[in-house]
Amino acid sequence: MALPRRSGNLFEFLAARVVPDVHGSVSEAALFADYDEWCRSLEYASLQFSAFVEKLDDIGSRELGGRIWRKRKNVYGLRLAPAQKRLALGTRSDGNTNDSEWSG
């Protein structure tokens, strides 16, 4: 019997694939599609869309102090990182993430 795959951690995804931007926004669908792609690239199991949105709300309000929020199927306070930045960020071999842009 195969072991279940690790679930893709949404905070790790945000640190790896998005950039904080007070004027930025992205649709929930586009953000989820990128999250799903990120999970597949790391062979992680992705959250279902409804769980993704719920966790995103939780991270935005509790962990990031309201710096990202959802309204009318869009997520504000961030934008998808350019492809070259996505390669530079993400989970390191020691399991830590580069999330310094979200702190402060």
C-alpha atoms as a PDB file:
ATOM      1  CA  MET A   1       0.000   0.000   0.000  1.00  0.00           C
ATOM      2  CA  ALA A   2       1.399   3.384  -1.029  1.00  0.00           C
ATOM      3  CA  LEU A   3       1.779   6.126   1.535  1.00  0.00           C
ATOM      4  CA  PRO A   4      -0.324   9.242   0.966  1.00  0.00           C
ATOM      5  CA  ARG A   5       1.493  12.115  -0.675  1.00  0.00           C
ATOM      6  CA  ARG A   6       2.332  15.169   1.377  1.00  0.00           C
ATOM      7  CA  SER A   7      -0.211  17.966   0.944  1.00  0.00           C
ATOM      8  CA  GLY A   8       1.042  21.160  -0.627  1.00  0.00           C
ATOM      9  CA  ASN A   9       1.479  23.736   2.143  1.00  0.00           C
ATOM     10  CA  LEU A  10      -0.284  26.930   1.084  1.00  0.00           C
ATOM     11  CA  PHE A  11       2.085  29.228   2.991  1.00  0.00           C
ATOM     12  CA  GLU A  12       5.072  27.577   1.279  1.00  0.00           C
ATOM     13  CA  PHE A  13       3.328  28.089  -2.061  1.00  0.00           C
ATOM     14  CA  LEU A  14       2.734  31.778  -1.329  1.00  0.00           C
ATOM     15  CA  ALA A  15       6.390  32.239  -0.377  1.00  0.00           C
ATOM     16  CA  ALA A  16       7.529  30.453  -3.531  1.00  0.00           C
ATOM     17  CA  ARG A  17       5.133  31.688  -6.202  1.00  0.00           C
ATOM     18  CA  VAL A  18       3.626  35.073  -5.313  1.00  0.00           C
ATOM     19  CA  VAL A  19       4.909  38.533  -4.536  1.00  0.00           C
ATOM     20  CA  PRO A  20       3.330  40.877  -1.973  1.00  0.00           C
ATOM     21  CA  ASP A  21       1.873  43.886  -3.788  1.00  0.00           C
ATOM     22  CA  VAL A  22      -0.549  46.284  -2.097  1.00  0.00           C
ATOM     23  CA  HIS A  23      -1.928  47.234  -5.530  1.00  0.00           C
ATOM     24  CA  GLY A  24      -1.834  43.708  -6.968  1.00  0.00           C
ATOM     25  CA  SER A  25      -4.588  41.173  -7.484  1.00  0.00           C
ATOM     26  CA  VAL A  26      -5.119  37.792  -9.103  1.00  0.00           C
ATOM     27  CA  SER A  27      -8.253  35.737  -9.629  1.00  0.00           C
ATOM     28  CA  GLU A  28      -8.911  32.882  -7.212  1.00  0.00           C
ATOM     29  CA  ALA A  29      -9.008  30.518 -10.200  1.00  0.00           C
ATOM     30  CA  ALA A  30      -5.596  31.629 -11.521  1.00  0.00           C
ATOM     31  CA  LEU A  31      -4.030  31.449  -8.057  1.00  0.00           C
ATOM     32  CA  PHE A  32      -5.476  27.979  -7.478  1.00  0.00           C
ATOM     33  CA  ALA A  33      -4.299  26.795 -10.915  1.00  0.00           C
ATOM     34  CA  ASP A  34      -0.769  27.977 -10.102  1.00  0.00           C
ATOM     35  CA  TYR A  35      -0.952  26.299  -6.676  1.00  0.00           C
ATOM     36  CA  ASP A  36      -2.084  23.057  -8.303  1.00  0.00           C
ATOM     37  CA  GLU A  37       0.780  23.262 -10.827  1.00  0.00           C
ATOM     38  CA  TRP A  38       3.263  23.930  -8.014  1.00  0.00           C
ATOM     39  CA  CYS A  39       1.962  20.915  -6.080  1.00  0.00           C
ATOM     40  CA  ARG A  40       2.241  18.656  -9.122  1.00  0.00           C
ATOM     41  CA  SER A  41       5.793  19.855  -9.807  1.00  0.00           C
ATOM     42  CA  LEU A  42       6.806  18.816  -6.266  1.00  0.00           C
ATOM     43  CA  GLU A  43       4.657  15.663  -6.328  1.00  0.00           C
ATOM     44  CA  TYR A  44       2.452  16.999  -3.507  1.00  0.00           C
ATOM     45  CA  ALA A  45      -1.280  16.426  -3.216  1.00  0.00           C
ATOM     46  CA  SER A  46      -3.113  19.710  -3.721  1.00  0.00           C
ATOM     47  CA  LEU A  47      -5.972  20.919  -1.562  1.00  0.00           C
ATOM     48  CA  GLN A  48      -9.473  20.940  -3.005  1.00  0.00           C
ATOM     49  CA  PHE A  49     -10.497  24.417  -4.246  1.00  0.00           C
ATOM     50  CA  SER A  50     -12.863  25.068  -1.300  1.00  0.00           C
ATOM     51  CA  ALA A  51     -10.160  24.078   1.234  1.00  0.00           C
ATOM     52  CA  PHE A  52      -7.625  26.228  -0.666  1.00  0.00           C
ATOM     53  CA  VAL A  53      -9.886  29.297  -0.409  1.00  0.00           C
ATOM     54  CA  GLU A  54     -10.639  28.654   3.264  1.00  0.00           C
ATOM     55  CA  LYS A  55      -6.939  28.258   4.109  1.00  0.00           C
ATOM     56  CA  LEU A  56      -6.090  31.350   2.036  1.00  0.00           C
ATOM     57  CA  ASP A  57      -8.588  33.378   4.085  1.00  0.00           C
ATOM     58  CA  ASP A  58      -7.070  32.034   7.299  1.00  0.00           C
ATOM     59  CA  ILE A  59      -3.508  32.846   6.228  1.00  0.00           C
ATOM     60  CA  GLY A  60      -4.516  36.282   4.978  1.00  0.00           C
ATOM     61  CA  SER A  61      -6.294  37.306   8.154  1.00  0.00           C
ATOM     62  CA  ARG A  62      -4.414  35.489  10.909  1.00  0.00           C
ATOM     63  CA  GLU A  63      -0.873  34.927   9.704  1.00  0.00           C
ATOM     64  CA  LEU A  64      -0.447  37.936   7.421  1.00  0.00           C
ATOM     65  CA  GLY A  65      -2.507  40.431   9.399  1.00  0.00           C
ATOM     66  CA  GLY A  66      -4.981  41.187   6.610  1.00  0.00           C
ATOM     67  CA  ARG A  67      -2.303  41.953   4.013  1.00  0.00           C
ATOM     68  CA  ILE A  68      -4.050  39.657   1.528  1.00  0.00           C
ATOM     69  CA  TRP A  69      -7.823  39.399   1.195  1.00  0.00           C
ATOM     70  CA  ARG A  70     -10.494  38.026  -1.156  1.00  0.00           C
ATOM     71  CA  LYS A  71     -13.357  39.902  -2.757  1.00  0.00           C
ATOM     72  CA  ARG A  72     -15.574  38.880  -5.688  1.00  0.00           C
ATOM     73  CA  LYS A  73     -13.471  35.873  -6.705  1.00  0.00           C
ATOM     74  CA  ASN A  74     -10.214  37.863  -6.671  1.00  0.00           C
ATOM     75  CA  VAL A  75      -7.351  37.895  -4.191  1.00  0.00           C
ATOM     76  CA  TYR A  76      -5.819  41.292  -3.398  1.00  0.00           C
ATOM     77  CA  GLY A  77      -2.483  42.297  -1.888  1.00  0.00           C
ATOM     78  CA  LEU A  78      -0.372  40.010  -4.055  1.00  0.00           C
ATOM     79  CA  ARG A  79       0.520  39.065  -7.606  1.00  0.00           C
ATOM     80  CA  LEU A  80       1.997  35.988  -9.217  1.00  0.00           C
ATOM     81  CA  ALA A  81       5.783  36.116  -9.272  1.00  0.00           C
ATOM     82  CA  PRO A  82       7.526  36.298 -12.654  1.00  0.00           C
ATOM     83  CA  ALA A  83       8.832  32.931 -13.865  1.00  0.00           C
ATOM     84  CA  GLN A  84      12.482  33.765 -13.103  1.00  0.00           C
ATOM     85  CA  LYS A  85      11.654  34.659  -9.488  1.00  0.00           C
ATOM     86  CA  ARG A  86       9.663  31.449  -9.044  1.00  0.00           C
ATOM     87  CA  LEU A  87      12.829  29.488  -9.755  1.00  0.00           C
ATOM     88  CA  ALA A  88      14.708  31.359  -7.023  1.00  0.00           C
ATOM     89  CA  LEU A  89      12.120  30.919  -4.258  1.00  0.00           C
ATOM     90  CA  GLY A  90      10.581  27.876  -2.669  1.00  0.00           C
ATOM     91  CA  THR A  91      11.318  25.038  -0.351  1.00  0.00           C
ATOM     92  CA  ARG A  92      15.013  24.532   0.267  1.00  0.00           C
ATOM     93  CA  SER A  93      16.574  21.148   0.788  1.00  0.00           C
ATOM     94  CA  ASP A  94      16.419  21.703   4.564  1.00  0.00           C
ATOM     95  CA  GLY A  95      12.629  22.151   4.356  1.00  0.00           C
ATOM     96  CA  ASN A  96      12.606  25.867   5.159  1.00  0.00           C
ATOM     97  CA  THR A  97      11.086  28.478   2.914  1.00  0.00           C
ATOM     98  CA  ASN A  98      12.201  31.916   1.871  1.00  0.00           C
ATOM     99  CA  ASP A  99       9.260  33.925   3.220  1.00  0.00           C
ATOM    100  CA  SER A 100      11.045  37.111   4.283  1.00  0.00           C
ATOM    101  CA  GLU A 101       8.963  39.305   1.950  1.00  0.00           C
ATOM    102  CA  TRP A 102       5.814  38.449   3.936  1.00  0.00           C
ATOM    103  CA  SER A 103       7.274  39.372   7.305  1.00  0.00           C
ATOM    104  CA  GLY A 104       7.231  42.758   8.878  1.00  0.00           C
END
